[in-house]
């Protein structure tokens, strides 16, 4: 019986600790882009709490990098495919004509998000890295 009394608070503490922890994020992808391509190579699960992330893109040719909430991804991709820039209120962060750029952005709790690459004028290969800060 005394063991149960000790075990219960330990289990409660473990559950509370685990629910408050934010898992570390480290994602790397290499993406080939041709002129006119609009790709979302990184769709990331929702963080439990607000999460700061660093998104780095390296490419031999300039391209556009847009960070959006997953719910806005279809509308943003549609605008980009029509060679239009998406509305600013649909973007969390954005950089046009990036070759070697790092964006820092805070992702709201409970929201999936995506990184969209577009705007390449020549065929290129981009290295995309998404890491939590």
C-alpha atoms as a PDB file:
ATOM      1  CA  UNK A   1       0.000   0.000   0.000  1.00  0.00           C
ATOM      2  CA  UNK A   2       2.744   2.584   0.793  1.00  0.00           C
ATOM      3  CA  UNK A   3       4.288   1.947  -2.623  1.00  0.00           C
ATOM      4  CA  UNK A   4       1.060   2.971  -4.329  1.00  0.00           C
ATOM      5  CA  UNK A   5       1.027   6.252  -2.441  1.00  0.00           C
ATOM      6  CA  UNK A   6       4.497   7.065  -3.745  1.00  0.00           C
ATOM      7  CA  UNK A   7       3.810   5.801  -7.254  1.00  0.00           C
ATOM      8  CA  UNK A   8       0.691   7.909  -7.860  1.00  0.00           C
ATOM      9  CA  UNK A   9       2.365  11.327  -7.337  1.00  0.00           C
ATOM     10  CA  UNK A  10       5.300  10.187  -9.482  1.00  0.00           C
ATOM     11  CA  UNK A  11       2.965   9.208 -12.319  1.00  0.00           C
ATOM     12  CA  UNK A  12       1.087  12.495 -12.080  1.00  0.00           C
ATOM     13  CA  UNK A  13       4.358  14.452 -12.170  1.00  0.00           C
ATOM     14  CA  UNK A  14       5.565  12.472 -15.199  1.00  0.00           C
ATOM     15  CA  UNK A  15       2.341  13.128 -17.118  1.00  0.00           C
ATOM     16  CA  UNK A  16       2.405  16.852 -16.314  1.00  0.00           C
ATOM     17  CA  UNK A  17       6.078  17.118 -17.267  1.00  0.00           C
ATOM     18  CA  UNK A  18       5.567  15.299 -20.567  1.00  0.00           C
ATOM     19  CA  UNK A  19       2.558  17.387 -21.533  1.00  0.00           C
ATOM     20  CA  UNK A  20       4.484  20.610 -20.987  1.00  0.00           C
ATOM     21  CA  UNK A  21       7.522  19.564 -23.012  1.00  0.00           C
ATOM     22  CA  UNK A  22       7.947  20.750 -26.572  1.00  0.00           C
ATOM     23  CA  UNK A  23       9.627  18.244 -28.797  1.00  0.00           C
ATOM     24  CA  UNK A  24      12.718  19.421 -30.589  1.00  0.00           C
ATOM     25  CA  UNK A  25      12.337  19.876 -34.335  1.00  0.00           C
ATOM     26  CA  UNK A  26      15.039  19.157 -36.899  1.00  0.00           C
ATOM     27  CA  UNK A  27      14.019  18.614 -40.512  1.00  0.00           C
ATOM     28  CA  UNK A  28      16.237  18.651 -43.610  1.00  0.00           C
ATOM     29  CA  UNK A  29      15.140  18.185 -47.205  1.00  0.00           C
ATOM     30  CA  UNK A  30      16.624  18.682 -50.642  1.00  0.00           C
ATOM     31  CA  UNK A  31      14.145  19.851 -53.264  1.00  0.00           C
ATOM     32  CA  UNK A  32      14.507  20.138 -57.032  1.00  0.00           C
ATOM     33  CA  UNK A  33      12.688  23.086 -58.572  1.00  0.00           C
ATOM     34  CA  UNK A  34      12.095  23.889 -62.228  1.00  0.00           C
ATOM     35  CA  UNK A  35      10.850  27.241 -63.528  1.00  0.00           C
ATOM     36  CA  UNK A  36       7.209  27.686 -62.547  1.00  0.00           C
ATOM     37  CA  UNK A  37       7.272  25.031 -59.813  1.00  0.00           C
ATOM     38  CA  UNK A  38       5.466  25.697 -56.536  1.00  0.00           C
ATOM     39  CA  UNK A  39       6.320  23.077 -53.932  1.00  0.00           C
ATOM     40  CA  UNK A  40       5.531  22.582 -50.260  1.00  0.00           C
ATOM     41  CA  UNK A  41       8.252  20.099 -49.271  1.00  0.00           C
ATOM     42  CA  UNK A  42       7.786  20.676 -45.555  1.00  0.00           C
ATOM     43  CA  UNK A  43       4.418  20.406 -43.832  1.00  0.00           C
ATOM     44  CA  UNK A  44       5.089  20.351 -40.107  1.00  0.00           C
ATOM     45  CA  UNK A  45       2.880  19.053 -37.297  1.00  0.00           C
ATOM     46  CA  UNK A  46       1.378  21.549 -34.889  1.00  0.00           C
ATOM     47  CA  UNK A  47       3.497  22.426 -31.851  1.00  0.00           C
ATOM     48  CA  UNK A  48       1.898  22.087 -28.411  1.00  0.00           C
ATOM     49  CA  UNK A  49       2.783  25.647 -27.477  1.00  0.00           C
ATOM     50  CA  UNK A  50       4.075  28.642 -29.418  1.00  0.00           C
ATOM     51  CA  UNK A  51       7.331  27.525 -31.016  1.00  0.00           C
ATOM     52  CA  UNK A  52      10.166  29.572 -32.493  1.00  0.00           C
ATOM     53  CA  UNK A  53      11.647  27.971 -35.578  1.00  0.00           C
ATOM     54  CA  UNK A  54      14.534  28.815 -37.848  1.00  0.00           C
ATOM     55  CA  UNK A  55      14.040  28.053 -41.530  1.00  0.00           C
ATOM     56  CA  UNK A  56      17.132  28.050 -43.723  1.00  0.00           C
ATOM     57  CA  UNK A  57      17.205  27.753 -47.502  1.00  0.00           C
ATOM     58  CA  UNK A  58      20.293  27.438 -49.658  1.00  0.00           C
ATOM     59  CA  UNK A  59      20.014  27.384 -53.441  1.00  0.00           C
ATOM     60  CA  UNK A  60      22.287  28.126 -56.399  1.00  0.00           C
ATOM     61  CA  UNK A  61      19.465  30.104 -58.023  1.00  0.00           C
ATOM     62  CA  UNK A  62      17.213  32.667 -56.316  1.00  0.00           C
ATOM     63  CA  UNK A  63      13.775  31.480 -55.240  1.00  0.00           C
ATOM     64  CA  UNK A  64      10.911  32.572 -53.009  1.00  0.00           C
ATOM     65  CA  UNK A  65      10.366  31.123 -49.543  1.00  0.00           C
ATOM     66  CA  UNK A  66       6.987  31.449 -47.829  1.00  0.00           C
ATOM     67  CA  UNK A  67       6.027  30.116 -44.396  1.00  0.00           C
ATOM     68  CA  UNK A  68       2.276  29.686 -43.957  1.00  0.00           C
ATOM     69  CA  UNK A  69      -0.217  28.039 -41.665  1.00  0.00           C
ATOM     70  CA  UNK A  70      -1.387  24.780 -43.205  1.00  0.00           C
ATOM     71  CA  UNK A  71      -4.968  26.110 -43.447  1.00  0.00           C
ATOM     72  CA  UNK A  72      -3.682  28.906 -45.751  1.00  0.00           C
ATOM     73  CA  UNK A  73      -1.422  26.676 -47.867  1.00  0.00           C
ATOM     74  CA  UNK A  74      -3.922  25.915 -50.689  1.00  0.00           C
ATOM     75  CA  UNK A  75      -4.766  29.616 -51.227  1.00  0.00           C
ATOM     76  CA  UNK A  76      -1.115  30.656 -51.103  1.00  0.00           C
ATOM     77  CA  UNK A  77      -0.067  27.920 -53.533  1.00  0.00           C
ATOM     78  CA  UNK A  78      -2.896  28.906 -55.895  1.00  0.00           C
ATOM     79  CA  UNK A  79      -1.741  32.544 -55.900  1.00  0.00           C
ATOM     80  CA  UNK A  80       1.875  31.510 -56.503  1.00  0.00           C
ATOM     81  CA  UNK A  81       0.877  29.189 -59.360  1.00  0.00           C
ATOM     82  CA  UNK A  82      -0.894  32.160 -60.940  1.00  0.00           C
ATOM     83  CA  UNK A  83       2.403  34.132 -60.647  1.00  0.00           C
ATOM     84  CA  UNK A  84       0.940  36.410 -57.964  1.00  0.00           C
ATOM     85  CA  UNK A  85       2.300  37.160 -54.522  1.00  0.00           C
ATOM     86  CA  UNK A  86      -0.038  35.905 -51.779  1.00  0.00           C
ATOM     87  CA  UNK A  87      -1.805  38.295 -49.428  1.00  0.00           C
ATOM     88  CA  UNK A  88       0.442  39.326 -46.535  1.00  0.00           C
ATOM     89  CA  UNK A  89      -2.149  38.204 -43.965  1.00  0.00           C
ATOM     90  CA  UNK A  90      -1.777  34.612 -45.245  1.00  0.00           C
ATOM     91  CA  UNK A  91       1.989  34.525 -44.567  1.00  0.00           C
ATOM     92  CA  UNK A  92       3.890  33.967 -41.319  1.00  0.00           C
ATOM     93  CA  UNK A  93       7.200  34.863 -42.984  1.00  0.00           C
ATOM     94  CA  UNK A  94       8.394  35.418 -46.524  1.00  0.00           C
ATOM     95  CA  UNK A  95      11.573  36.112 -48.474  1.00  0.00           C
ATOM     96  CA  UNK A  96      11.723  36.723 -52.212  1.00  0.00           C
ATOM     97  CA  UNK A  97      14.766  35.957 -54.357  1.00  0.00           C
ATOM     98  CA  UNK A  98      16.522  34.003 -51.608  1.00  0.00           C
ATOM     99  CA  UNK A  99      19.748  32.124 -52.287  1.00  0.00           C
ATOM    100  CA  UNK A 100      21.127  31.677 -48.794  1.00  0.00           C
ATOM    101  CA  UNK A 101      18.581  32.917 -46.260  1.00  0.00           C
ATOM    102  CA  UNK A 102      17.427  32.143 -42.747  1.00  0.00           C
ATOM    103  CA  UNK A 103      13.972  33.122 -41.530  1.00  0.00           C
ATOM    104  CA  UNK A 104      12.990  33.115 -37.853  1.00  0.00           C
ATOM    105  CA  UNK A 105       9.304  32.769 -37.134  1.00  0.00           C
ATOM    106  CA  UNK A 106       7.076  31.954 -34.174  1.00  0.00           C
ATOM    107  CA  UNK A 107       4.518  29.276 -34.929  1.00  0.00           C
ATOM    108  CA  UNK A 108       1.281  29.551 -32.928  1.00  0.00           C
ATOM    109  CA  UNK A 109       0.327  26.681 -30.630  1.00  0.00           C
ATOM    110  CA  UNK A 110      -1.784  23.959 -32.176  1.00  0.00           C
ATOM    111  CA  UNK A 111      -1.285  25.100 -35.802  1.00  0.00           C
ATOM    112  CA  UNK A 112       0.311  22.991 -38.535  1.00  0.00           C
ATOM    113  CA  UNK A 113       2.457  24.980 -40.921  1.00  0.00           C
ATOM    114  CA  UNK A 114       4.160  24.627 -44.274  1.00  0.00           C
ATOM    115  CA  UNK A 115       7.208  25.971 -46.069  1.00  0.00           C
ATOM    116  CA  UNK A 116       6.558  26.743 -49.737  1.00  0.00           C
ATOM    117  CA  UNK A 117       9.290  27.191 -52.348  1.00  0.00           C
ATOM    118  CA  UNK A 118       8.590  28.907 -55.678  1.00  0.00           C
ATOM    119  CA  UNK A 119       9.792  31.508 -58.166  1.00  0.00           C
ATOM    120  CA  UNK A 120      12.847  29.727 -59.588  1.00  0.00           C
ATOM    121  CA  UNK A 121      13.825  31.145 -63.011  1.00  0.00           C
ATOM    122  CA  UNK A 122      16.170  28.215 -63.778  1.00  0.00           C
ATOM    123  CA  UNK A 123      16.311  24.617 -62.630  1.00  0.00           C
ATOM    124  CA  UNK A 124      17.852  24.457 -59.181  1.00  0.00           C
ATOM    125  CA  UNK A 125      18.218  22.316 -56.133  1.00  0.00           C
ATOM    126  CA  UNK A 126      17.412  23.847 -52.752  1.00  0.00           C
ATOM    127  CA  UNK A 127      18.436  22.603 -49.339  1.00  0.00           C
ATOM    128  CA  UNK A 128      15.732  23.322 -46.752  1.00  0.00           C
ATOM    129  CA  UNK A 129      16.330  23.073 -43.007  1.00  0.00           C
ATOM    130  CA  UNK A 130      13.674  23.632 -40.324  1.00  0.00           C
ATOM    131  CA  UNK A 131      14.847  23.640 -36.702  1.00  0.00           C
ATOM    132  CA  UNK A 132      13.280  24.700 -33.435  1.00  0.00           C
ATOM    133  CA  UNK A 133      15.178  27.408 -31.566  1.00  0.00           C
END
